[in-house]
Amino acid sequence: MTLKKTLTYAAWAFLIYFIAFRPQAAASVARGLLGLITRLGTGFGDFFSSLVT
């Protein structure tokens, strides 16, 4: 098994463990990441809108 595959399995195992045993903390992290993605999308949208006007 390659190192990349081993690290991928370990990351998935940690994610499942984190969600199973710390669901509120996992939800908080997910909300934070989704908020970040939303802010990035809004920022890019505003930037490109400013270029056109």
C-alpha atoms as a PDB file:
ATOM      1  CA  MET A   1       0.000   0.000   0.000  1.00  0.00           C
ATOM      2  CA  THR A   2       1.360   3.396  -0.909  1.00  0.00           C
ATOM      3  CA  LEU A   3       1.838   6.222   1.536  1.00  0.00           C
ATOM      4  CA  LYS A   4      -0.764   8.341  -0.226  1.00  0.00           C
ATOM      5  CA  LYS A   5      -3.401   5.612   0.049  1.00  0.00           C
ATOM      6  CA  THR A   6      -2.535   4.987   3.702  1.00  0.00           C
ATOM      7  CA  LEU A   7      -2.843   8.693   4.544  1.00  0.00           C
ATOM      8  CA  THR A   8      -6.145   8.890   2.672  1.00  0.00           C
ATOM      9  CA  TYR A   9      -7.563   5.975   4.677  1.00  0.00           C
ATOM     10  CA  ALA A  10      -6.283   7.519   7.896  1.00  0.00           C
ATOM     11  CA  ALA A  11      -7.916  10.858   7.052  1.00  0.00           C
ATOM     12  CA  TRP A  12     -11.268   9.180   6.319  1.00  0.00           C
ATOM     13  CA  ALA A  13     -11.020   7.154   9.534  1.00  0.00           C
ATOM     14  CA  PHE A  14     -10.316  10.299  11.535  1.00  0.00           C
ATOM     15  CA  LEU A  15     -13.237  12.102   9.879  1.00  0.00           C
ATOM     16  CA  ILE A  16     -15.639   9.253  10.696  1.00  0.00           C
ATOM     17  CA  TYR A  17     -14.314   9.079  14.268  1.00  0.00           C
ATOM     18  CA  PHE A  18     -14.617  12.857  14.671  1.00  0.00           C
ATOM     19  CA  ILE A  19     -18.215  12.889  13.424  1.00  0.00           C
ATOM     20  CA  ALA A  20     -19.216   9.851  15.478  1.00  0.00           C
ATOM     21  CA  PHE A  21     -17.729  10.918  18.804  1.00  0.00           C
ATOM     22  CA  ARG A  22     -17.760  14.733  18.542  1.00  0.00           C
ATOM     23  CA  PRO A  23     -20.805  15.535  16.384  1.00  0.00           C
ATOM     24  CA  GLN A  24     -21.292  19.094  17.673  1.00  0.00           C
ATOM     25  CA  ALA A  25     -17.654  19.981  17.119  1.00  0.00           C
ATOM     26  CA  ALA A  26     -17.786  18.411  13.654  1.00  0.00           C
ATOM     27  CA  ALA A  27     -20.917  20.427  12.828  1.00  0.00           C
ATOM     28  CA  SER A  28     -19.194  23.586  14.005  1.00  0.00           C
ATOM     29  CA  VAL A  29     -16.209  22.888  11.761  1.00  0.00           C
ATOM     30  CA  ALA A  30     -18.527  22.180   8.811  1.00  0.00           C
ATOM     31  CA  ARG A  31     -20.429  25.442   9.408  1.00  0.00           C
ATOM     32  CA  GLY A  32     -17.162  27.329   9.536  1.00  0.00           C
ATOM     33  CA  LEU A  33     -15.912  25.804   6.292  1.00  0.00           C
ATOM     34  CA  LEU A  34     -19.209  26.452   4.521  1.00  0.00           C
ATOM     35  CA  GLY A  35     -19.164  30.040   5.774  1.00  0.00           C
ATOM     36  CA  LEU A  36     -15.635  30.460   4.445  1.00  0.00           C
ATOM     37  CA  ILE A  37     -16.638  29.084   1.042  1.00  0.00           C
ATOM     38  CA  THR A  38     -19.642  31.421   0.988  1.00  0.00           C
ATOM     39  CA  ARG A  39     -17.498  34.461   1.826  1.00  0.00           C
ATOM     40  CA  LEU A  40     -14.964  33.489  -0.832  1.00  0.00           C
ATOM     41  CA  GLY A  41     -17.696  33.117  -3.435  1.00  0.00           C
ATOM     42  CA  THR A  42     -19.199  36.477  -2.502  1.00  0.00           C
ATOM     43  CA  GLY A  43     -15.795  38.125  -2.664  1.00  0.00           C
ATOM     44  CA  PHE A  44     -15.026  36.718  -6.096  1.00  0.00           C
ATOM     45  CA  GLY A  45     -18.486  37.672  -7.311  1.00  0.00           C
ATOM     46  CA  ASP A  46     -18.059  41.239  -6.075  1.00  0.00           C
ATOM     47  CA  PHE A  47     -14.616  41.434  -7.670  1.00  0.00           C
ATOM     48  CA  PHE A  48     -15.780  40.290 -11.090  1.00  0.00           C
ATOM     49  CA  SER A  49     -18.870  42.461 -10.853  1.00  0.00           C
ATOM     50  CA  SER A  50     -16.632  45.457 -10.175  1.00  0.00           C
ATOM     51  CA  LEU A  51     -14.567  44.635 -13.255  1.00  0.00           C
ATOM     52  CA  VAL A  52     -17.619  44.738 -15.511  1.00  0.00           C
ATOM     53  CA  THR A  53     -19.153  47.960 -14.164  1.00  0.00           C
END
